[in-house]
Amino acid sequence: MSPPGTGKTMLAKRLPTIIPPLTLEEALETTKIHSVAGKIDDHTALMTKRTFRSPHHTISDNAIV
């Protein structure tokens, strides 16, 4: 576990900006998962951006990588 303020959340927020865009297959899968989980409504089109989940402040360095 690393201490608060070491940049875990900052790193996680920046990660989607350096990885490639979703392929069509990934976009379909992501949309399906979010739909089943109730995270999107019926009027939402295909998800084309990678999602971000804020890590808990107690996450370890190994877990974030």
C-alpha atoms as a PDB file:
ATOM      1  CA  MET A   1       0.000   0.000   0.000  1.00  0.00           C
ATOM      2  CA  SER A   2       1.402   3.370  -0.909  1.00  0.00           C
ATOM      3  CA  PRO A   3       0.659   6.553   1.017  1.00  0.00           C
ATOM      4  CA  PRO A   4      -1.869   9.160  -0.114  1.00  0.00           C
ATOM      5  CA  GLY A   5      -0.496  11.782  -2.463  1.00  0.00           C
ATOM      6  CA  THR A   6       1.893   9.547  -4.400  1.00  0.00           C
ATOM      7  CA  GLY A   7       0.011   9.935  -7.692  1.00  0.00           C
ATOM      8  CA  LYS A   8      -2.061   6.744  -7.946  1.00  0.00           C
ATOM      9  CA  THR A   9      -5.245   8.503  -9.030  1.00  0.00           C
ATOM     10  CA  MET A  10      -3.369  10.864 -11.335  1.00  0.00           C
ATOM     11  CA  LEU A  11      -1.712   7.904 -13.043  1.00  0.00           C
ATOM     12  CA  ALA A  12      -5.017   6.066 -13.430  1.00  0.00           C
ATOM     13  CA  LYS A  13      -6.730   9.158 -14.886  1.00  0.00           C
ATOM     14  CA  ARG A  14      -3.934   9.681 -17.426  1.00  0.00           C
ATOM     15  CA  LEU A  15      -3.713   6.058 -18.573  1.00  0.00           C
ATOM     16  CA  PRO A  16      -6.699   6.201 -20.988  1.00  0.00           C
ATOM     17  CA  THR A  17      -5.072   9.118 -22.837  1.00  0.00           C
ATOM     18  CA  ILE A  18      -1.968   7.114 -23.792  1.00  0.00           C
ATOM     19  CA  ILE A  19      -3.586   3.834 -24.836  1.00  0.00           C
ATOM     20  CA  PRO A  20      -5.147   3.392 -28.294  1.00  0.00           C
ATOM     21  CA  PRO A  21      -8.848   4.039 -28.951  1.00  0.00           C
ATOM     22  CA  LEU A  22     -11.330   1.185 -28.590  1.00  0.00           C
ATOM     23  CA  THR A  23     -11.662  -1.154 -31.545  1.00  0.00           C
ATOM     24  CA  LEU A  24     -15.187  -1.915 -32.728  1.00  0.00           C
ATOM     25  CA  GLU A  25     -15.102  -5.273 -30.931  1.00  0.00           C
ATOM     26  CA  GLU A  26     -13.928  -3.643 -27.678  1.00  0.00           C
ATOM     27  CA  ALA A  27     -16.558  -0.901 -27.992  1.00  0.00           C
ATOM     28  CA  LEU A  28     -19.319  -3.492 -28.435  1.00  0.00           C
ATOM     29  CA  GLU A  29     -18.097  -5.505 -25.442  1.00  0.00           C
ATOM     30  CA  THR A  30     -17.744  -2.403 -23.249  1.00  0.00           C
ATOM     31  CA  THR A  31     -21.233  -1.231 -24.196  1.00  0.00           C
ATOM     32  CA  LYS A  32     -22.703  -4.660 -23.445  1.00  0.00           C
ATOM     33  CA  ILE A  33     -21.055  -4.821 -20.010  1.00  0.00           C
ATOM     34  CA  HIS A  34     -22.190  -1.322 -19.034  1.00  0.00           C
ATOM     35  CA  SER A  35     -25.695  -2.017 -20.328  1.00  0.00           C
ATOM     36  CA  VAL A  36     -26.086  -5.226 -18.318  1.00  0.00           C
ATOM     37  CA  ALA A  37     -24.697  -3.474 -15.232  1.00  0.00           C
ATOM     38  CA  GLY A  38     -27.310  -0.720 -15.633  1.00  0.00           C
ATOM     39  CA  LYS A  39     -24.676   1.973 -16.134  1.00  0.00           C
ATOM     40  CA  ILE A  40     -26.148   3.318 -19.401  1.00  0.00           C
ATOM     41  CA  ASP A  41     -29.676   4.109 -20.515  1.00  0.00           C
ATOM     42  CA  ASP A  42     -31.575   2.944 -23.597  1.00  0.00           C
ATOM     43  CA  HIS A  43     -30.706   6.114 -25.515  1.00  0.00           C
ATOM     44  CA  THR A  44     -26.943   5.777 -25.213  1.00  0.00           C
ATOM     45  CA  ALA A  45     -25.160   4.837 -28.397  1.00  0.00           C
ATOM     46  CA  LEU A  46     -22.046   2.719 -28.670  1.00  0.00           C
ATOM     47  CA  MET A  47     -19.402   3.571 -26.088  1.00  0.00           C
ATOM     48  CA  THR A  48     -16.288   4.693 -27.932  1.00  0.00           C
ATOM     49  CA  LYS A  49     -14.102   6.003 -25.094  1.00  0.00           C
ATOM     50  CA  ARG A  50     -12.272   3.894 -22.560  1.00  0.00           C
ATOM     51  CA  THR A  51     -13.828   4.135 -19.131  1.00  0.00           C
ATOM     52  CA  PHE A  52     -12.133   5.335 -15.963  1.00  0.00           C
ATOM     53  CA  ARG A  53     -12.681   3.947 -12.465  1.00  0.00           C
ATOM     54  CA  SER A  54     -11.119   5.959  -9.664  1.00  0.00           C
ATOM     55  CA  PRO A  55      -8.910   3.678  -7.561  1.00  0.00           C
ATOM     56  CA  HIS A  56      -9.429   3.436  -3.821  1.00  0.00           C
ATOM     57  CA  HIS A  57      -6.863   5.420  -1.855  1.00  0.00           C
ATOM     58  CA  THR A  58      -5.516   2.231  -0.247  1.00  0.00           C
ATOM     59  CA  ILE A  59      -4.712   0.463  -3.533  1.00  0.00           C
ATOM     60  CA  SER A  60      -1.189  -0.939  -3.725  1.00  0.00           C
ATOM     61  CA  ASP A  61       1.371   0.013  -6.378  1.00  0.00           C
ATOM     62  CA  ASN A  62       1.222  -3.530  -7.771  1.00  0.00           C
ATOM     63  CA  ALA A  63      -2.565  -3.475  -8.013  1.00  0.00           C
ATOM     64  CA  ILE A  64      -2.646  -0.245  -9.996  1.00  0.00           C
ATOM     65  CA  VAL A  65      -0.140  -1.561 -12.527  1.00  0.00           C
END
